[in-house]
Each structure stands twice: as structure tokens, then as C-alpha cells.
Protein backbone atom coordinates (compact mmCIF):
# COMPACT_ATOMS: atom_id res chain seq x y z
CA MET A 1 -22.62 15.90 16.33
CA GLU A 2 -24.39 15.33 13.01
CA GLY A 3 -21.26 15.99 11.05
CA LEU A 4 -19.65 12.88 12.68
CA ASP A 5 -22.78 10.67 12.16
CA ALA A 6 -22.70 11.84 8.38
CA LEU A 7 -19.07 11.00 8.34
CA ARG A 8 -19.53 7.68 9.82
CA GLY A 9 -22.47 7.17 7.25
CA PHE A 10 -19.93 7.83 4.37
CA ALA A 11 -17.52 5.38 5.74
CA LEU A 12 -20.15 2.82 5.85
CA PHE A 13 -20.85 3.66 2.23
CA GLY A 14 -17.21 3.35 1.07
CA LEU A 15 -16.97 0.06 2.93
CA PHE A 16 -20.04 -1.38 1.40
CA ILE A 17 -19.13 -0.04 -2.09
CA VAL A 18 -15.92 -1.92 -1.80
CA HIS A 19 -17.71 -5.05 -0.78
CA MET A 20 -19.83 -5.30 -3.63
CA PRO A 21 -17.29 -5.51 -6.43
CA GLU A 22 -15.21 -7.50 -4.21
CA LEU A 23 -18.27 -9.88 -4.29
CA PHE A 24 -17.95 -10.24 -0.41
CA GLU A 25 -14.43 -11.95 -0.82
CA LEU A 26 -15.17 -13.83 -3.77
CA TYR A 27 -13.73 -11.69 -6.57
CA TRP A 28 -10.45 -13.47 -6.99
CA ALA A 29 -12.23 -16.56 -7.86
CA ARG A 30 -13.12 -14.94 -11.12
CA PRO A 31 -11.24 -11.64 -11.42
CA ALA A 32 -12.52 -9.33 -14.29
CA THR A 33 -10.49 -9.23 -17.44
CA ASP A 34 -12.67 -6.80 -19.62
CA PRO A 35 -10.93 -3.17 -19.78
CA LEU A 36 -14.45 -1.63 -18.46
CA GLN A 37 -14.90 -4.09 -15.66
CA LEU A 38 -11.23 -3.63 -14.62
CA ALA A 39 -11.64 0.13 -14.78
CA VAL A 40 -14.64 0.17 -12.56
CA HIS A 41 -12.87 -2.18 -10.06
CA ASP A 42 -9.68 -0.09 -10.16
CA ALA A 43 -11.74 3.17 -9.48
CA VAL A 44 -13.64 1.78 -6.50
CA TRP A 45 -10.39 0.47 -4.96
CA PHE A 46 -8.46 3.71 -5.61
CA LEU A 47 -11.34 5.79 -3.95
CA PHE A 48 -12.41 3.54 -0.97
CA ALA A 49 -10.48 0.49 -0.52
CA GLY A 50 -8.31 0.65 2.76
CA LYS A 51 -9.62 4.25 3.15
CA ALA A 52 -13.18 3.54 4.16
CA PHE A 53 -12.06 1.14 6.93
CA ALA A 54 -9.67 3.57 8.20
CA LEU A 55 -12.31 6.02 8.48
CA LEU A 56 -14.26 3.73 10.38
CA ALA A 57 -11.45 3.17 12.73
CA LEU A 58 -10.87 6.96 13.24
CA CYS A 59 -14.75 7.16 13.98
CA PHE A 60 -14.32 4.41 16.56
CA GLY A 61 -11.75 6.36 18.42
CA VAL A 62 -13.84 9.47 18.45
CA SER A 63 -16.94 7.61 19.78
CA PHE A 64 -14.87 6.12 22.53
CA PHE A 65 -13.70 9.60 23.71
CA ILE A 66 -17.31 10.71 23.68
CA LEU A 67 -18.50 7.73 25.81
CA MET A 68 -15.74 8.35 28.28
CA ASP A 69 -16.03 12.16 28.62
CA ARG A 70 -19.69 11.86 28.81
CA ALA A 71 -19.50 9.67 31.98
CA ALA A 72 -16.79 11.58 33.51
CA ARG A 73 -18.73 14.76 33.20
CA ARG A 74 -21.50 12.86 35.35
CA GLY A 75 -18.51 11.78 37.83
CA VAL A 76 -18.66 8.21 36.56
CA ASP A 77 -15.50 6.05 35.55
CA PHE A 78 -16.99 4.23 32.45
CA SER A 79 -13.78 2.00 31.89
CA ALA A 80 -15.39 -1.22 33.18
CA ARG A 81 -18.63 -0.53 31.46
CA PHE A 82 -16.67 0.18 28.43
CA VAL A 83 -14.85 -3.30 28.63
CA TRP A 84 -18.26 -4.95 28.83
CA ARG A 85 -19.46 -2.92 25.83
CA LEU A 86 -16.53 -4.04 23.97
CA ALA A 87 -17.19 -7.75 25.05
CA LEU A 88 -20.67 -7.28 23.65
CA LEU A 89 -19.54 -5.93 20.28
CA ALA A 90 -17.04 -8.84 19.95
CA LEU A 91 -19.75 -11.36 20.55
CA ILE A 92 -22.08 -9.80 17.83
CA GLY A 93 -18.83 -10.08 15.69
CA LEU A 94 -18.43 -13.54 16.52
CA VAL A 95 -21.97 -14.48 15.56
CA HIS A 96 -21.70 -12.45 12.45
CA GLY A 97 -18.49 -13.96 11.24
CA LEU A 98 -20.34 -17.19 11.26
CA TRP A 99 -22.07 -15.58 8.15
CA TYR A 100 -19.21 -13.67 6.88
CA ARG A 101 -15.55 -14.20 7.15
CA GLY A 102 -14.64 -10.61 6.62
CA ASP A 103 -16.47 -9.22 9.87
CA VAL A 104 -14.49 -6.36 11.47
CA LEU A 105 -16.58 -5.94 14.57
CA GLU A 106 -14.69 -8.66 16.63
CA VAL A 107 -11.41 -6.68 15.70
CA LEU A 108 -12.44 -3.16 16.42
CA ALA A 109 -13.68 -4.69 19.82
CA ALA A 110 -10.34 -6.25 20.60
CA MET A 111 -8.41 -3.24 19.55
CA GLY A 112 -10.72 -0.88 21.70
CA LEU A 113 -9.26 -2.46 24.83
CA PHE A 114 -6.09 -0.73 23.98
CA LEU A 115 -7.76 2.88 24.17
CA LEU A 116 -8.22 2.17 27.82
CA PRO A 117 -4.78 2.99 29.16
CA PHE A 118 -3.99 5.65 26.47
CA HIS A 119 -6.97 7.48 27.52
CA ARG A 120 -5.30 8.26 30.80
CA VAL A 121 -2.35 10.05 29.00
CA ARG A 122 -3.25 13.49 29.16
CA SER A 123 -0.77 14.85 26.52
CA ASN A 124 -2.34 15.09 23.08
CA ARG A 125 0.95 15.54 21.61
CA ALA A 126 2.23 12.26 23.30
CA LEU A 127 -1.01 10.56 21.88
CA LEU A 128 -0.44 11.70 18.28
CA ALA A 129 3.31 10.82 18.61
CA LEU A 130 2.03 7.28 19.66
CA ALA A 131 -0.40 7.01 16.77
CA ALA A 132 2.26 8.13 14.21
CA LEU A 133 4.29 5.16 15.48
CA PHE A 134 1.68 2.77 15.11
CA LEU A 135 0.67 4.22 11.64
CA LEU A 136 4.32 3.60 10.52
CA GLN A 137 3.78 -0.17 11.09
CA PRO A 138 6.70 -0.75 13.44
CA LEU A 139 6.25 -4.58 13.15
CA MET A 140 6.95 -4.36 9.39
CA LEU A 141 9.81 -2.15 10.09
CA VAL A 142 11.41 -4.58 12.54
CA ARG A 143 10.85 -7.23 10.06
CA ILE A 144 12.47 -5.25 7.13
CA GLY A 145 15.57 -4.43 9.42
CA ALA A 146 15.86 -8.27 10.45
CA GLY A 147 15.45 -9.30 6.36
CA LEU A 148 18.20 -7.15 5.63
CA ALA A 149 20.37 -8.36 8.28
CA GLY A 150 19.87 -11.89 6.74
CA ALA A 151 17.19 -13.35 9.28
CA ASP A 152 15.59 -16.30 7.49
CA TRP A 153 12.10 -15.83 9.24
CA ALA A 154 12.04 -12.10 7.99
CA ASN A 155 12.46 -13.22 4.26
CA GLN A 156 9.61 -15.83 4.30
CA PRO A 157 6.57 -14.86 2.17
CA LEU A 158 3.58 -13.53 4.29
CA ARG A 159 1.18 -16.47 5.08
CA PHE A 160 -1.91 -14.46 3.92
CA TRP A 161 -0.29 -14.35 0.13
CA SER A 162 -0.80 -17.83 -0.47
CA ALA A 163 -4.39 -18.16 0.72
CA THR A 164 -7.01 -19.31 -1.39
CA ILE A 165 -11.01 -18.94 -1.53
CA PRO A 166 -12.61 -21.92 0.30
CA GLU A 167 -14.33 -24.28 -2.02
CA ALA A 168 -17.18 -24.10 0.61
CA TYR A 169 -17.89 -20.41 -0.17
CA LEU A 170 -18.13 -21.03 -4.04
CA HIS A 171 -20.11 -24.51 -4.08
CA GLY A 172 -21.13 -25.51 -0.69
CA SER A 173 -24.18 -25.42 1.48
CA LEU A 174 -24.66 -22.85 4.13
CA ALA A 175 -23.58 -25.38 6.83
CA ASP A 176 -20.40 -25.58 4.76
CA THR A 177 -19.79 -22.04 4.85
CA VAL A 178 -20.26 -21.63 8.61
CA ARG A 179 -17.88 -24.75 9.03
CA ALA A 180 -15.21 -23.09 6.95
CA ASN A 181 -15.64 -19.76 8.78
CA VAL A 182 -15.46 -21.36 12.36
CA LEU A 183 -12.36 -23.80 11.38
CA GLU A 184 -10.44 -21.74 8.91
CA GLY A 185 -12.06 -18.12 8.27
CA HIS A 186 -11.72 -16.86 11.65
CA GLY A 187 -8.03 -17.58 11.97
CA PHE A 188 -7.35 -16.42 8.53
CA LYS A 189 -9.08 -12.93 9.41
CA TRP A 190 -6.59 -12.24 12.23
CA LEU A 191 -3.72 -13.65 10.40
CA PHE A 192 -4.53 -10.91 7.70
CA MET A 193 -5.19 -8.21 10.18
CA TYR A 194 -1.75 -8.77 11.71
CA GLU A 195 0.42 -9.42 8.96
CA SER A 196 -1.25 -6.50 6.57
CA GLY A 197 -0.66 -4.06 9.36
CA ARG A 198 -4.25 -3.71 10.00
CA LEU A 199 -4.15 -4.04 13.66
CA SER A 200 -1.48 -1.29 14.09
CA GLN A 201 -3.55 1.07 11.72
CA ILE A 202 -6.60 0.67 13.79
CA LEU A 203 -4.91 1.48 17.05
CA GLY A 204 -3.18 4.50 15.34
CA LEU A 205 -6.21 5.63 13.76
CA SER A 206 -8.37 5.34 16.99
CA LEU A 207 -5.78 7.43 19.05
CA VAL A 208 -6.26 10.31 16.25
CA GLY A 209 -9.73 9.84 16.66
CA MET A 210 -9.67 10.31 20.31
CA VAL A 211 -7.31 13.51 20.04
CA LEU A 212 -9.81 14.71 17.51
CA GLY A 213 -12.76 14.20 20.05
CA ARG A 214 -10.75 15.84 22.88
CA ILE A 215 -10.00 19.06 21.18
CA GLY A 216 -13.74 19.43 19.86
CA PHE A 217 -12.92 18.93 16.06
CA PHE A 218 -16.39 17.49 15.66
CA ALA A 219 -18.17 19.24 18.24
CA ASP A 220 -17.32 22.84 17.44
CA PRO A 221 -16.38 22.57 13.49
CA GLU A 222 -16.44 26.35 12.94
CA ARG A 223 -13.24 26.73 15.26
CA PHE A 224 -11.22 24.37 12.95
CA ALA A 225 -12.42 25.62 9.43
CA ALA A 226 -9.07 27.15 8.71
CA ALA A 227 -7.18 23.85 10.11
CA ARG A 228 -9.42 21.79 7.98
CA GLY A 229 -8.41 23.67 4.94
CA ARG A 230 -4.52 23.33 5.75
CA GLY A 231 -5.10 19.81 6.27
CA LEU A 232 -6.69 19.03 3.21
CA LEU A 233 -3.92 20.67 1.31
CA LEU A 234 -1.34 18.99 3.13
CA ALA A 235 -2.91 15.48 2.96
CA LEU A 236 -3.35 16.03 -0.80
CA ALA A 237 0.10 17.04 -1.30
CA CYS A 238 1.22 13.69 0.77
CA ALA A 239 -1.00 11.74 -1.46
CA VAL A 240 0.50 13.13 -4.66
CA ALA A 241 3.94 12.47 -3.48
CA LEU A 242 3.29 8.96 -2.19
CA HIS A 243 1.37 8.20 -5.68
CA PHE A 244 4.53 8.88 -7.45
CA GLY A 245 7.25 8.31 -4.96
CA ARG A 246 6.34 5.02 -3.21
CA GLU A 247 7.51 2.72 -5.91
CA PRO A 248 10.85 4.53 -6.36
CA LEU A 249 11.55 4.69 -2.79
CA ALA A 250 10.70 1.03 -2.18
CA ALA A 251 13.04 0.44 -5.05
CA LEU A 252 15.85 1.73 -2.95
CA VAL A 253 15.75 -1.10 -0.46
CA PRO A 254 18.24 -3.69 -1.37
CA ALA A 255 16.80 -6.89 -2.86
CA THR A 256 18.29 -10.09 -3.86
CA GLY A 257 17.03 -13.70 -5.11
CA ALA A 258 16.94 -14.71 -1.43
CA MET A 259 16.20 -11.66 0.13
CA THR A 260 12.89 -10.09 -1.44
CA MET A 261 10.76 -9.25 1.60
CA PRO A 262 12.38 -6.15 2.89
CA ARG A 263 11.43 -4.49 -0.51
CA ALA A 264 8.00 -5.99 -0.57
CA LEU A 265 7.42 -4.85 3.11
CA ALA A 266 8.83 -1.29 2.48
CA ALA A 267 6.20 -1.10 -0.43
CA ALA A 268 3.62 -2.02 1.73
CA VAL A 269 4.33 0.37 4.45
CA LEU A 270 4.55 3.21 1.89
CA ALA A 271 1.14 1.87 0.38
CA SER A 272 -0.48 1.94 3.51
CA LEU A 273 0.71 5.73 4.23
CA TYR A 274 -0.72 6.51 0.67
CA ASP A 275 -4.01 5.07 1.67
CA LEU A 276 -3.89 7.19 4.84
CA ALA A 277 -3.01 10.23 3.08
CA LEU A 278 -6.10 9.62 0.66
CA MET A 279 -8.25 8.73 3.65
CA ALA A 280 -7.48 12.14 5.18
CA VAL A 281 -8.35 13.75 1.75
CA LEU A 282 -11.70 12.07 1.83
CA MET A 283 -12.36 12.99 5.28
CA LEU A 284 -11.41 16.42 5.25
CA GLY A 285 -13.03 16.87 1.65
CA PHE A 286 -16.10 15.64 2.90
CA LEU A 287 -16.27 17.75 6.05
CA ALA A 288 -15.86 20.41 3.77
CA LEU A 289 -18.85 19.60 1.76
CA CYS A 290 -20.93 19.26 4.87
CA ARG A 291 -20.03 22.91 5.51
CA ALA A 292 -21.15 24.20 2.13
CA GLY A 293 -24.45 25.87 2.92
CA ALA A 294 -27.72 24.30 1.79
CA ALA A 295 -25.98 21.61 -0.22
CA GLY A 296 -23.93 20.67 2.68
CA ARG A 297 -26.97 20.46 5.01
CA ARG A 298 -28.63 18.24 2.77
CA LEU A 299 -25.68 15.96 2.55
CA VAL A 300 -25.46 15.71 6.06
CA ALA A 301 -29.42 14.99 6.62
CA LEU A 302 -28.86 12.38 4.13
CA LEU A 303 -25.99 10.20 5.58
CA ALA A 304 -26.40 11.13 9.47
CA PRO A 305 -29.14 8.57 9.84
CA ALA A 306 -27.18 5.83 8.21
CA GLY A 307 -24.18 6.94 10.52
CA ARG A 308 -26.49 6.66 13.64
CA MET A 309 -27.30 3.02 13.03
CA THR A 310 -24.00 1.85 11.24
CA LEU A 311 -23.90 -1.37 13.27
CA THR A 312 -27.37 -2.59 12.27
CA LEU A 313 -26.70 -1.64 8.58
CA TYR A 314 -23.18 -2.97 8.30
CA VAL A 315 -24.68 -6.45 9.47
CA ALA A 316 -27.47 -6.20 7.20
CA GLN A 317 -25.56 -5.52 4.24
CA SER A 318 -23.63 -8.95 4.67
CA LEU A 319 -26.89 -11.01 5.85
CA LEU A 320 -28.31 -9.74 2.46
CA PHE A 321 -25.75 -10.13 -0.10
CA VAL A 322 -23.58 -13.09 0.98
CA PRO A 323 -26.36 -15.33 0.02
CA VAL A 324 -26.39 -13.15 -3.20
CA PHE A 325 -22.67 -14.12 -4.07
CA TYR A 326 -22.17 -17.51 -2.41
CA GLY A 327 -22.67 -20.98 -3.56
CA TYR A 328 -25.51 -21.93 -1.06
CA GLY A 329 -27.50 -18.89 -2.26
CA LEU A 330 -27.84 -17.44 -5.73
CA GLY A 331 -24.14 -17.79 -6.51
CA LEU A 332 -23.76 -14.86 -8.66
CA TRP A 333 -20.01 -14.52 -7.79
CA ALA A 334 -19.65 -16.65 -11.23
CA SER A 335 -21.66 -14.21 -13.12
CA MET A 336 -22.13 -10.61 -11.84
CA SER A 337 -19.75 -8.17 -13.53
CA GLN A 338 -18.04 -5.13 -11.69
CA VAL A 339 -20.44 -2.67 -13.27
CA GLN A 340 -23.66 -4.63 -11.95
CA ALA A 341 -22.31 -5.24 -8.68
CA VAL A 342 -21.32 -1.37 -8.06
CA LEU A 343 -24.86 -0.40 -9.57
CA LEU A 344 -26.63 -2.85 -7.22
CA GLY A 345 -24.53 -1.62 -4.27
CA LEU A 346 -25.65 1.94 -5.00
CA ALA A 347 -29.37 0.89 -5.21
CA ALA A 348 -28.92 -1.12 -2.14
CA PHE A 349 -27.26 1.78 -0.03
CA ALA A 350 -29.93 4.23 -1.49
CA ALA A 351 -32.30 1.88 0.02
CA GLN A 352 -30.61 1.74 3.51
CA LEU A 353 -30.48 5.45 3.37
CA ALA A 354 -34.32 5.71 2.96
CA PHE A 355 -34.82 2.99 5.68
CA ALA A 356 -32.60 4.78 8.41
CA ARG A 357 -34.46 8.14 7.54
CA LEU A 358 -37.95 6.40 8.13
CA TRP A 359 -36.73 4.57 10.98
CA PHE A 360 -35.60 7.42 13.05
CA ARG A 361 -38.92 9.20 12.64
CA HIS A 362 -40.33 6.53 15.31
CA PHE A 363 -37.22 5.17 16.94
CA LEU A 364 -34.37 6.59 18.85
CA TYR A 365 -31.81 3.97 18.04
CA GLY A 366 -31.11 1.42 15.36
CA PRO A 367 -32.13 -2.10 16.40
CA LEU A 368 -28.85 -3.72 17.06
CA GLU A 369 -27.80 -0.19 18.57
CA TRP A 370 -30.54 -0.29 21.02
CA LEU A 371 -29.50 -3.84 21.85
CA TRP A 372 -26.10 -2.94 22.29
CA ARG A 373 -27.06 0.04 24.58
CA ALA A 374 -29.34 -2.23 26.67
CA GLY A 375 -26.76 -4.91 27.19
CA THR A 376 -24.02 -2.28 27.98
CA TYR A 377 -26.24 -1.05 30.77
CA LEU A 378 -27.97 -4.43 31.65
CA THR A 379 -31.29 -2.90 31.47
CA ALA A 380 -34.37 -3.07 28.90
CA GLN A 381 -35.46 0.34 30.27
CA VAL A 382 -33.31 2.10 27.61
CA PRO A 383 -36.03 4.33 25.38
CA PHE A 384 -36.36 2.79 22.18
CA LEU A 385 -39.72 4.54 20.68
CA ARG A 386 -39.53 8.33 19.94
CA VAL A 387 -42.32 9.81 21.96
CA ARG A 388 -44.24 12.65 20.25
CA THR A 389 -45.59 15.17 22.27
CA ALA A 390 -48.57 17.41 21.48
CA ALA A 391 -47.99 20.81 19.90
């Protein structure tokens, strides 16, 4: 499924190109004011912020189905092994989180546990209905209702709104940064994921990905050519409608001086749906490009190797660039412009693409992918080197 690998590589690019002008979470210590820098920042946010992460969550659901289905075809129940695999991913995420607070691996691993019971639901329509429920942010909707009814707890501001960037990130040592990530950063990450609705969104998108895997959306792309075209038009129409309509719709929610949260949360729900519509436009548009003759084949060949070693490249990005921006390293959060950050990100990702292409000439898996697979099966006998046969 090279198309799926390429889509995963595209999602990795989107996530990285958001992290770079975000200065790996330090942007708000010195936000841009120059019109050009603001325009670059807003363009990156419009195209990829929230969308690339959503794409990764969807691909995660597809990968879950592929693993379970391949095992089932061999007459094996992969459930217990998948739980162990998720535990290893969470461990990688915990270690990565010592370095970078924004790690998402641990979150994906935890939410992946919820896919196991849903995997036993045979009706795709039921799964899509559940996915739609989760994507509509049910916890936020409950809080909106409680706020409108006058519940004091529901009209309190979200706690992550008042968060500040730890001083350790800006001026501290490496030990200070690790300490801040352990004592405060880890909890803040989960608070943000919960209050922002990302946990519900991850589960909903993973279920959508699981259904797409079931119906062969990526395995048999020709069969879904017409459906992709209709889906792209529908997603584009929804994105345009939400672009112009989300603020007027949120304004319909009553608000007073003591009751501001229902309207704010309604705006957040609508913004989340807007991001999902744009994500669908990106995904379906990208898949259409992948089917566009020779140019599409070149695009797939360019991004698919990166998609096959997403775990390695994702961790490598923060290992390299967190020290570039944080105080214990070069401390460039205080001086790097948005244009410079984006250009540096483009150059770095191009280098990762070249590295991935070269790597797979000699190896079957990325380094962390091989460790993850070997750990999953508790054996070092997983093939790693690519064996070349004589002509």
C-alpha cells in the first residue's frame, strides 16, 4: 500500500512543518508581529495545524486494521500482542517525552487500546456512527449544555488556556528541561489533549481509518476513484461553509458576563469540525495527486519511504530541533523568524526524505520500526538487512 505510506509521509511532513514555526512549543514566548512573519505563520497553521495530526490518527486506525487482519488471515488473534505493541509504543513515547513535552506517541498508544473492543463490531455503519459521535466532541457538548443550565463548573475557563511556557525551556539546562517535562509537562500534555477534545478526535478518526481499511480504500484505490472525487467535493463544500459560518453559528449560543464558556466551547467544536473538513480535503486531494500519472508515481516514490519509517523520523525531528530552539542548546527561539523556521524545516525534511530513500536500499525497516517490531514479537530474529539476490 504505497499510497498509504505516502499519505503517512505527507502527514509527517505537515506535523513537522507546524512544529518548526511553532519553535517546538516556544512560539508564544515571542510571537511574531511583522506582517510577513504573521502571514507565513497563519498560512502554515491554516494548511496543517490540527490537520496533519488528524491524518496521523486516521492512518493509525488503518494500520491497526492491517495488523489485525493479517493475523486473522493466519488464524491468529493478535489482540494480546497488539496490547503489548501499544505498551512498547507508550514506553517510546515516555522516553521521548523527557526530551519534548509535545510527544504524541504515548497518546496514540493509550487511545489505541479503545480500538480493540470496537474491532469486534462487524457493522461498518455502526462504527462510522460511533466515529461521528466522537468527532462531534460529546464531552464538550455536555459541558455546553451544563453551562447553559447555569452549572458553575461548566462556566469555568479551560485550565490549559492559562498555561505559560516553563522558564526551564527558555533559559534552563537540559536537566531543568527534563525535570520540567517530568513534573509539569507530562500532565499538561494530557490536560491539553483532554480539554481540547483531541482524545475524542483521535478515537473518532482511528475508527474511520479502521473502516477505510476494512473496505479496501487504500488496498484497492481504483475501485474508489469516483468515491474519492465525490468525497473531495463534499469535504470542500463543508470546509467553505464552516469557514464562513462557524463564527455566526457560535454567536447564536447565549452568552452573558457570567456565562461565556458555552459560546466559547461551541466555537471550539465548530473549529474542530472545520479542521476535520480541511483534513479530508488534504487527504483526498493528496490521494488524487498520487493517482495523477507519472507525476503521481514520483510523489508516492518521494514520500512513501518516509511513511515507512515515520516513528524514526518523528523522534529524530525533535531530537535534532528541540536543542536548536531551547535554552540549553542554541536558544534560537528568541531570534529565529517564521520564514527562517519554515525554510529550515523544508530543508530538514528534504534531507529526511533523501535519508529514508537511501536507508531502504539496504534495510527492510527503519531503526525504531525494527526495534518496535522485534519487541512486539520478543525476538531479534526479525529480518533487518535487505538481502540482494544474484541476477
